[in-house]
Amino acid sequence: SFPKAENLDLLVALSQEACNTYYPYLKQGGV
């Protein structure tokens, strides 16, 4: 029903900037 990802189960970060920016969106227990 809602297509946007806001509570991530998996974050793949291939740069430092991406990791810094998106890590806060990774849910508790996410990978």
PDB file of all heavy atoms in Angstrom:
ATOM      1  N   SER A   1       0.819  -1.219   0.000  1.00  0.00           N
ATOM      2  CA  SER A   1       0.000   0.000   0.000  1.00  0.00           C
ATOM      3  C   SER A   1       0.852   1.270   0.000  1.00  0.00           C
ATOM      4  O   SER A   1       0.436   2.305  -0.507  1.00  0.00           O
ATOM      5  CB  SER A   1      -0.934   0.008   1.221  1.00  0.00           C
ATOM      6  OG  SER A   1      -0.181  -0.105   2.408  1.00  0.00           O
ATOM      7  N   PHE A   2       2.057   1.183   0.570  1.00  0.00           N
ATOM      8  CA  PHE A   2       2.956   2.349   0.622  1.00  0.00           C
ATOM      9  C   PHE A   2       4.298   1.946   0.030  1.00  0.00           C
ATOM     10  O   PHE A   2       4.997   1.095   0.589  1.00  0.00           O
ATOM     11  CB  PHE A   2       3.117   2.819   2.070  1.00  0.00           C
ATOM     12  CG  PHE A   2       3.936   4.075   2.206  1.00  0.00           C
ATOM     13  CD1 PHE A   2       3.457   5.295   1.733  1.00  0.00           C
ATOM     14  CD2 PHE A   2       5.190   4.043   2.797  1.00  0.00           C
ATOM     15  CE1 PHE A   2       4.211   6.451   1.855  1.00  0.00           C
ATOM     16  CE2 PHE A   2       5.941   5.195   2.933  1.00  0.00           C
ATOM     17  CZ  PHE A   2       5.446   6.409   2.459  1.00  0.00           C
ATOM     18  N   PRO A   3       4.676   2.508  -1.126  1.00  0.00           N
ATOM     19  CA  PRO A   3       5.842   2.004  -1.858  1.00  0.00           C
ATOM     20  C   PRO A   3       7.198   2.491  -1.366  1.00  0.00           C
ATOM     21  O   PRO A   3       8.230   1.981  -1.807  1.00  0.00           O
ATOM     22  CB  PRO A   3       5.591   2.522  -3.283  1.00  0.00           C
ATOM     23  CG  PRO A   3       4.821   3.790  -3.078  1.00  0.00           C
ATOM     24  CD  PRO A   3       3.950   3.547  -1.874  1.00  0.00           C
ATOM     25  N   LYS A   4       7.231   3.458  -0.467  1.00  0.00           N
ATOM     26  CA  LYS A   4       8.519   4.024  -0.057  1.00  0.00           C
ATOM     27  C   LYS A   4       9.110   3.267   1.135  1.00  0.00           C
ATOM     28  O   LYS A   4       8.394   2.843   2.032  1.00  0.00           O
ATOM     29  CB  LYS A   4       8.365   5.505   0.278  1.00  0.00           C
ATOM     30  CG  LYS A   4       8.046   6.352  -0.941  1.00  0.00           C
ATOM     31  CD  LYS A   4       8.066   7.831  -0.602  1.00  0.00           C
ATOM     32  CE  LYS A   4       7.804   8.671  -1.857  1.00  0.00           C
ATOM     33  NZ  LYS A   4       7.828  10.118  -1.573  1.00  0.00           N
ATOM     34  N   ALA A   5      10.440   3.140   1.119  1.00  0.00           N
ATOM     35  CA  ALA A   5      11.152   2.455   2.202  1.00  0.00           C
ATOM     36  C   ALA A   5      11.588   3.479   3.248  1.00  0.00           C
ATOM     37  O   ALA A   5      12.315   4.416   2.938  1.00  0.00           O
ATOM     38  CB  ALA A   5      12.366   1.726   1.647  1.00  0.00           C
ATOM     39  N   GLU A   6      11.138   3.279   4.493  1.00  0.00           N
ATOM     40  CA  GLU A   6      11.470   4.215   5.565  1.00  0.00           C
ATOM     41  C   GLU A   6      11.932   3.516   6.840  1.00  0.00           C
ATOM     42  O   GLU A   6      12.399   4.154   7.767  1.00  0.00           O
ATOM     43  CB  GLU A   6      10.250   5.092   5.895  1.00  0.00           C
ATOM     44  CG  GLU A   6       9.840   6.026   4.758  1.00  0.00           C
ATOM     45  CD  GLU A   6       8.679   6.923   5.133  1.00  0.00           C
ATOM     46  OE1 GLU A   6       7.926   6.554   6.057  1.00  0.00           O
ATOM     47  OE2 GLU A   6       8.541   7.984   4.502  1.00  0.00           O
ATOM     48  N   ASN A   7      11.782   2.197   6.870  1.00  0.00           N
ATOM     49  CA  ASN A   7      12.146   1.417   8.054  1.00  0.00           C
ATOM     50  C   ASN A   7      12.883   0.174   7.562  1.00  0.00           C
ATOM     51  O   ASN A   7      12.312  -0.901   7.436  1.00  0.00           O
ATOM     52  CB  ASN A   7      10.874   1.062   8.839  1.00  0.00           C
ATOM     53  CG  ASN A   7      11.162   0.583  10.237  1.00  0.00           C
ATOM     54  OD1 ASN A   7      12.182   0.923  10.829  1.00  0.00           O
ATOM     55  ND2 ASN A   7      10.266  -0.232  10.775  1.00  0.00           N
ATOM     56  N   LEU A   8      14.164   0.325   7.281  1.00  0.00           N
ATOM     57  CA  LEU A   8      14.917  -0.636   6.471  1.00  0.00           C
ATOM     58  C   LEU A   8      15.235  -1.933   7.214  1.00  0.00           C
ATOM     59  O   LEU A   8      15.716  -1.916   8.344  1.00  0.00           O
ATOM     60  CB  LEU A   8      16.228  -0.005   5.999  1.00  0.00           C
ATOM     61  CG  LEU A   8      16.115   1.336   5.272  1.00  0.00           C
ATOM     62  CD1 LEU A   8      17.502   1.880   4.950  1.00  0.00           C
ATOM     63  CD2 LEU A   8      15.278   1.196   3.992  1.00  0.00           C
ATOM     64  N   ASP A   9      15.000  -3.049   6.525  1.00  0.00           N
ATOM     65  CA  ASP A   9      15.449  -4.353   7.010  1.00  0.00           C
ATOM     66  C   ASP A   9      16.887  -4.625   6.592  1.00  0.00           C
ATOM     67  O   ASP A   9      17.619  -5.332   7.291  1.00  0.00           O
ATOM     68  CB  ASP A   9      14.546  -5.462   6.445  1.00  0.00           C
ATOM     69  CG  ASP A   9      13.130  -5.353   6.958  1.00  0.00           C
ATOM     70  OD1 ASP A   9      12.870  -5.836   8.069  1.00  0.00           O
ATOM     71  OD2 ASP A   9      12.284  -4.757   6.257  1.00  0.00           O
ATOM     72  N   LEU A  10      17.267  -4.084   5.442  1.00  0.00           N
ATOM     73  CA  LEU A  10      18.618  -4.272   4.916  1.00  0.00           C
ATOM     74  C   LEU A  10      19.094  -2.971   4.283  1.00  0.00           C
ATOM     75  O   LEU A  10      18.404  -2.404   3.437  1.00  0.00           O
ATOM     76  CB  LEU A  10      18.636  -5.396   3.872  1.00  0.00           C
ATOM     77  CG  LEU A  10      19.924  -5.571   3.052  1.00  0.00           C
ATOM     78  CD1 LEU A  10      21.093  -5.951   3.965  1.00  0.00           C
ATOM     79  CD2 LEU A  10      19.735  -6.624   1.963  1.00  0.00           C
ATOM     80  N   LEU A  11      20.258  -2.511   4.713  1.00  0.00           N
ATOM     81  CA  LEU A  11      20.903  -1.350   4.097  1.00  0.00           C
ATOM     82  C   LEU A  11      22.222  -1.794   3.496  1.00  0.00           C
ATOM     83  O   LEU A  11      23.084  -2.338   4.199  1.00  0.00           O
ATOM     84  CB  LEU A  11      21.154  -0.250   5.138  1.00  0.00           C
ATOM     85  CG  LEU A  11      22.004   0.941   4.664  1.00  0.00           C
ATOM     86  CD1 LEU A  11      21.340   1.679   3.506  1.00  0.00           C
ATOM     87  CD2 LEU A  11      22.295   1.905   5.823  1.00  0.00           C
ATOM     88  N   VAL A  12      22.376  -1.588   2.198  1.00  0.00           N
ATOM     89  CA  VAL A  12      23.632  -1.848   1.508  1.00  0.00           C
ATOM     90  C   VAL A  12      24.266  -0.486   1.238  1.00  0.00           C
ATOM     91  O   VAL A  12      23.726   0.311   0.473  1.00  0.00           O
ATOM     92  CB  VAL A  12      23.402  -2.604   0.184  1.00  0.00           C
ATOM     93  CG1 VAL A  12      24.735  -2.847  -0.530  1.00  0.00           C
ATOM     94  CG2 VAL A  12      22.678  -3.923   0.437  1.00  0.00           C
ATOM     95  N   ALA A  13      25.392  -0.202   1.887  1.00  0.00           N
ATOM     96  CA  ALA A  13      26.057   1.098   1.750  1.00  0.00           C
ATOM     97  C   ALA A  13      27.429   0.896   1.109  1.00  0.00           C
ATOM     98  O   ALA A  13      28.309   0.261   1.703  1.00  0.00           O
ATOM     99  CB  ALA A  13      26.198   1.770   3.106  1.00  0.00           C
ATOM    100  N   LEU A  14      27.581   1.441  -0.086  1.00  0.00           N
ATOM    101  CA  LEU A  14      28.822   1.249  -0.847  1.00  0.00           C
ATOM    102  C   LEU A  14      29.713   2.487  -0.834  1.00  0.00           C
ATOM    103  O   LEU A  14      30.662   2.575  -1.606  1.00  0.00           O
ATOM    104  CB  LEU A  14      28.476   0.845  -2.289  1.00  0.00           C
ATOM    105  CG  LEU A  14      27.609  -0.413  -2.416  1.00  0.00           C
ATOM    106  CD1 LEU A  14      27.328  -0.725  -3.876  1.00  0.00           C
ATOM    107  CD2 LEU A  14      28.262  -1.612  -1.737  1.00  0.00           C
ATOM    108  N   SER A  15      29.411   3.442   0.033  1.00  0.00           N
ATOM    109  CA  SER A  15      30.274   4.609   0.245  1.00  0.00           C
ATOM    110  C   SER A  15      30.076   5.103   1.668  1.00  0.00           C
ATOM    111  O   SER A  15      29.046   4.821   2.296  1.00  0.00           O
ATOM    112  CB  SER A  15      29.945   5.727  -0.750  1.00  0.00           C
ATOM    113  OG  SER A  15      28.721   6.353  -0.424  1.00  0.00           O
ATOM    114  N   GLN A  16      31.061   5.855   2.162  1.00  0.00           N
ATOM    115  CA  GLN A  16      30.965   6.379   3.528  1.00  0.00           C
ATOM    116  C   GLN A  16      29.791   7.344   3.667  1.00  0.00           C
ATOM    117  O   GLN A  16      29.051   7.307   4.656  1.00  0.00           O
ATOM    118  CB  GLN A  16      32.281   7.092   3.901  1.00  0.00           C
ATOM    119  CG  GLN A  16      32.329   7.578   5.337  1.00  0.00           C
ATOM    120  CD  GLN A  16      32.426   6.437   6.329  1.00  0.00           C
ATOM    121  OE1 GLN A  16      33.362   5.641   6.286  1.00  0.00           O
ATOM    122  NE2 GLN A  16      31.461   6.335   7.240  1.00  0.00           N
ATOM    123  N   GLU A  17      29.629   8.212   2.676  1.00  0.00           N
ATOM    124  CA  GLU A  17      28.537   9.186   2.732  1.00  0.00           C
ATOM    125  C   GLU A  17      27.175   8.499   2.790  1.00  0.00           C
ATOM    126  O   GLU A  17      26.294   8.892   3.565  1.00  0.00           O
ATOM    127  CB  GLU A  17      28.600  10.115   1.522  1.00  0.00           C
ATOM    128  CG  GLU A  17      27.522  11.189   1.520  1.00  0.00           C
ATOM    129  CD  GLU A  17      27.518  12.044   0.259  1.00  0.00           C
ATOM    130  OE1 GLU A  17      28.352  11.804  -0.635  1.00  0.00           O
ATOM    131  OE2 GLU A  17      26.669  12.938   0.173  1.00  0.00           O
ATOM    132  N   ALA A  18      27.002   7.470   1.970  1.00  0.00           N
ATOM    133  CA  ALA A  18      25.732   6.734   1.960  1.00  0.00           C
ATOM    134  C   ALA A  18      25.480   6.080   3.310  1.00  0.00           C
ATOM    135  O   ALA A  18      24.355   6.098   3.829  1.00  0.00           O
ATOM    136  CB  ALA A  18      25.737   5.693   0.851  1.00  0.00           C
ATOM    137  N   CYS A  19      26.523   5.516   3.887  1.00  0.00           N
ATOM    138  CA  CYS A  19      26.384   4.862   5.183  1.00  0.00           C
ATOM    139  C   CYS A  19      25.975   5.875   6.257  1.00  0.00           C
ATOM    140  O   CYS A  19      25.053   5.635   7.040  1.00  0.00           O
ATOM    141  CB  CYS A  19      27.702   4.187   5.558  1.00  0.00           C
ATOM    142  SG  CYS A  19      27.599   3.198   7.055  1.00  0.00           S
ATOM    143  N   ASN A  20      26.648   7.020   6.268  1.00  0.00           N
ATOM    144  CA  ASN A  20      26.343   8.056   7.266  1.00  0.00           C
ATOM    145  C   ASN A  20      24.908   8.571   7.106  1.00  0.00           C
ATOM    146  O   ASN A  20      24.205   8.825   8.085  1.00  0.00           O
ATOM    147  CB  ASN A  20      27.312   9.229   7.129  1.00  0.00           C
ATOM    148  CG  ASN A  20      28.739   8.844   7.456  1.00  0.00           C
ATOM    149  OD1 ASN A  20      28.999   7.798   8.034  1.00  0.00           O
ATOM    150  ND2 ASN A  20      29.681   9.692   7.067  1.00  0.00           N
ATOM    151  N   THR A  21      24.485   8.743   5.850  1.00  0.00           N
ATOM    152  CA  THR A  21      23.179   9.340   5.570  1.00  0.00           C
ATOM    153  C   THR A  21      22.026   8.396   5.895  1.00  0.00           C
ATOM    154  O   THR A  21      21.008   8.811   6.465  1.00  0.00           O
ATOM    155  CB  THR A  21      23.091   9.748   4.085  1.00  0.00           C
ATOM    156  OG1 THR A  21      24.135  10.683   3.804  1.00  0.00           O
ATOM    157  CG2 THR A  21      21.746  10.393   3.773  1.00  0.00           C
ATOM    158  N   TYR A  22      22.174   7.117   5.553  1.00  0.00           N
ATOM    159  CA  TYR A  22      21.024   6.207   5.606  1.00  0.00           C
ATOM    160  C   TYR A  22      21.001   5.245   6.788  1.00  0.00           C
ATOM    161  O   TYR A  22      19.982   4.600   7.027  1.00  0.00           O
ATOM    162  CB  TYR A  22      20.935   5.424   4.291  1.00  0.00           C
ATOM    163  CG  TYR A  22      20.755   6.318   3.098  1.00  0.00           C
ATOM    164  CD1 TYR A  22      21.641   6.275   2.018  1.00  0.00           C
ATOM    165  CD2 TYR A  22      19.715   7.242   3.049  1.00  0.00           C
ATOM    166  CE1 TYR A  22      21.484   7.114   0.927  1.00  0.00           C
ATOM    167  CE2 TYR A  22      19.551   8.084   1.956  1.00  0.00           C
ATOM    168  CZ  TYR A  22      20.433   8.011   0.910  1.00  0.00           C
ATOM    169  OH  TYR A  22      20.278   8.849  -0.173  1.00  0.00           O
ATOM    170  N   TYR A  23      22.102   5.158   7.529  1.00  0.00           N
ATOM    171  CA  TYR A  23      22.115   4.245   8.678  1.00  0.00           C
ATOM    172  C   TYR A  23      20.979   4.526   9.677  1.00  0.00           C
ATOM    173  O   TYR A  23      20.387   3.579  10.228  1.00  0.00           O
ATOM    174  CB  TYR A  23      23.476   4.280   9.384  1.00  0.00           C
ATOM    175  CG  TYR A  23      23.523   3.411  10.611  1.00  0.00           C
ATOM    176  CD1 TYR A  23      23.515   2.017  10.499  1.00  0.00           C
ATOM    177  CD2 TYR A  23      23.535   3.972  11.888  1.00  0.00           C
ATOM    178  CE1 TYR A  23      23.535   1.207  11.619  1.00  0.00           C
ATOM    179  CE2 TYR A  23      23.548   3.166  13.013  1.00  0.00           C
ATOM    180  CZ  TYR A  23      23.551   1.791  12.882  1.00  0.00           C
ATOM    181  OH  TYR A  23      23.558   1.005  13.998  1.00  0.00           O
ATOM    182  N   PRO A  24      20.627   5.808   9.928  1.00  0.00           N
ATOM    183  CA  PRO A  24      19.522   6.072  10.865  1.00  0.00           C
ATOM    184  C   PRO A  24      18.179   5.462  10.445  1.00  0.00           C
ATOM    185  O   PRO A  24      17.273   5.330  11.277  1.00  0.00           O
ATOM    186  CB  PRO A  24      19.435   7.604  10.890  1.00  0.00           C
ATOM    187  CG  PRO A  24      20.810   8.065  10.525  1.00  0.00           C
ATOM    188  CD  PRO A  24      21.281   7.067   9.514  1.00  0.00           C
ATOM    189  N   TYR A  25      18.036   5.083   9.164  1.00  0.00           N
ATOM    190  CA  TYR A  25      16.778   4.500   8.685  1.00  0.00           C
ATOM    191  C   TYR A  25      16.724   2.976   8.874  1.00  0.00           C
ATOM    192  O   TYR A  25      15.700   2.359   8.596  1.00  0.00           O
ATOM    193  CB  TYR A  25      16.576   4.825   7.201  1.00  0.00           C
ATOM    194  CG  TYR A  25      16.388   6.298   6.928  1.00  0.00           C
ATOM    195  CD1 TYR A  25      17.493   7.112   6.655  1.00  0.00           C
ATOM    196  CD2 TYR A  25      15.121   6.879   6.948  1.00  0.00           C
ATOM    197  CE1 TYR A  25      17.334   8.477   6.413  1.00  0.00           C
ATOM    198  CE2 TYR A  25      14.956   8.239   6.700  1.00  0.00           C
ATOM    199  CZ  TYR A  25      16.063   9.023   6.441  1.00  0.00           C
ATOM    200  OH  TYR A  25      15.905  10.373   6.201  1.00  0.00           O
ATOM    201  N   LEU A  26      17.834   2.390   9.327  1.00  0.00           N
ATOM    202  CA  LEU A  26      17.880   0.937   9.519  1.00  0.00           C
ATOM    203  C   LEU A  26      17.154   0.578  10.814  1.00  0.00           C
ATOM    204  O   LEU A  26      17.455   1.109  11.877  1.00  0.00           O
ATOM    205  CB  LEU A  26      19.336   0.468   9.585  1.00  0.00           C
ATOM    206  CG  LEU A  26      19.585  -1.040   9.591  1.00  0.00           C
ATOM    207  CD1 LEU A  26      19.158  -1.672   8.268  1.00  0.00           C
ATOM    208  CD2 LEU A  26      21.065  -1.327   9.860  1.00  0.00           C
ATOM    209  N   LYS A  27      16.187  -0.319  10.723  1.00  0.00           N
ATOM    210  CA  LYS A  27      15.403  -0.684  11.910  1.00  0.00           C
ATOM    211  C   LYS A  27      16.251  -1.484  12.892  1.00  0.00           C
ATOM    212  O   LYS A  27      17.293  -2.049  12.525  1.00  0.00           O
ATOM    213  CB  LYS A  27      14.165  -1.482  11.512  1.00  0.00           C
ATOM    214  CG  LYS A  27      14.470  -2.860  10.947  1.00  0.00           C
ATOM    215  CD  LYS A  27      13.244  -3.775  10.891  1.00  0.00           C
ATOM    216  CE  LYS A  27      12.138  -3.233  10.037  1.00  0.00           C
ATOM    217  NZ  LYS A  27      11.081  -4.243   9.801  1.00  0.00           N
ATOM    218  N   GLN A  28      15.803  -1.551  14.131  1.00  0.00           N
ATOM    219  CA  GLN A  28      16.487  -2.362  15.131  1.00  0.00           C
ATOM    220  C   GLN A  28      16.457  -3.821  14.679  1.00  0.00           C
ATOM    221  O   GLN A  28      15.400  -4.354  14.349  1.00  0.00           O
ATOM    222  CB  GLN A  28      15.804  -2.212  16.486  1.00  0.00           C
ATOM    223  CG  GLN A  28      16.570  -2.884  17.615  1.00  0.00           C
ATOM    224  CD  GLN A  28      15.964  -2.592  18.976  1.00  0.00           C
ATOM    225  OE1 GLN A  28      14.995  -1.858  19.076  1.00  0.00           O
ATOM    226  NE2 GLN A  28      16.529  -3.161  20.016  1.00  0.00           N
ATOM    227  N   GLY A  29      17.618  -4.454  14.651  1.00  0.00           N
ATOM    228  CA  GLY A  29      17.704  -5.831  14.170  1.00  0.00           C
ATOM    229  C   GLY A  29      17.925  -5.922  12.677  1.00  0.00           C
ATOM    230  O   GLY A  29      18.116  -7.010  12.130  1.00  0.00           O
ATOM    231  N   GLY A  30      17.899  -4.758  11.981  1.00  0.00           N
ATOM    232  CA  GLY A  30      18.172  -4.740  10.545  1.00  0.00           C
ATOM    233  C   GLY A  30      19.634  -5.040  10.261  1.00  0.00           C
ATOM    234  O   GLY A  30      20.487  -4.970  11.156  1.00  0.00           O
ATOM    235  N   VAL A  31      19.932  -5.360   9.020  1.00  0.00           N
ATOM    236  CA  VAL A  31      21.283  -5.793   8.639  1.00  0.00           C
ATOM    237  C   VAL A  31      21.955  -4.729   7.774  1.00  0.00           C
ATOM    238  O   VAL A  31      21.356  -4.213   6.828  1.00  0.00           O
ATOM    239  CB  VAL A  31      21.229  -7.143   7.889  1.00  0.00           C
ATOM    240  CG1 VAL A  31      22.608  -7.558   7.415  1.00  0.00           C
ATOM    241  CG2 VAL A  31      20.639  -8.214   8.804  1.00  0.00           C
TER     242      VAL A  31
END
